[in-house]
């Protein structure tokens, strides 16, 4: 069954874009010119807080336009998306028993715990040290920061809050008055678009499925991740080739500034962004672009994979991850495995000697 799944993905994206076990090197250890880039148009569907060290202000960037005008746009750092999607990937691995039950996100205690699909794809490290040793897996998935198309004043709103008392009200019983612990919080409003690009290098067919399923995350931000869904991830294009395309969220936001006007609706803005990005992605000279009906059919196929199909996919991913940490010498092969390999080598040499004698 897993072979049928691979063949279908090869037919859609091209077999040359994927890593395989070759020359004794596991698929996850391959280092060749193979990339797949997902173009994701992220849309806020609920208020979202995007801030760093300033408790009241949204993270922004002042963009310098060709006309000499400065424009302040909202920036969502890459880590705010990747961390949430890595956590979703962790949930998927747990669902299909592809990870050690003792594994803890950002608190890996044993080197052997790195032998799981999520660590192999998103990168990971042993943070405990000591007897656990030290090891690190680089990420095969690369994110860049995402930028809004419209300016900050048009897409954010500041709200004033008052801290509640222990009773859950603003009444302070010790003074017999209302509390006055006011603070401001700036929210990104619903209906805001953030074009994003996610690139995976030397992927396997199964790792693409894992990455796409990880984009089913809906709750982002630190404070607003507990308030329900606030971002919908719309995969609009998948580019497969040898080189990363020179397109980023920043360049898209910059180049579309001249096209913005007060008469744009959300639907027309969405269509304008997607048309512009897909046109650029289609100009890649050494790859192919999957979009529109073909892409919808592909994503629909992934969405309808059965539990048994997904179990087989995650078993294959787990095997690939274990092979990676063995190949990288992160986990030493068991003594029995070393002995078997040694015996195999001796038999091979004996056979070679017999063949020479017969000649």
Foldseek 3Di string as FASTA:
>chain_A
DVVVLQVVVCVQFNPVQAFDCPPNAFLLRDDALHKKKWKKKKFWAAWAFADDPDQADAAWDWDQAPVRDTFIWGKHFFCQVLVQLLVLLVVLCVVLVQFDPPDDVPAGAALLRCLGLSCSAQKDWHDPDDPRHTDIHHHQKDWGMWIWLHGDVVFKDKDKDFDADPVRHQADVVVRHGHGRIDIHMIGGGLTITIIMMMGHNHRSLSVLSSVSSLCDFATDDVRSVVDGTMHIDGFKMKIFRDDQPDGNVVLSRVCNVVDDPPDDSVNVVVVSSVVVVVSSCPDPGIHMQGDPRVVVVVVVSVPDDPVRSSVSRVVSSVSSSSNCCVVVSDDDDPVVVVVVVVVVVVVVVVVVVVVVVD
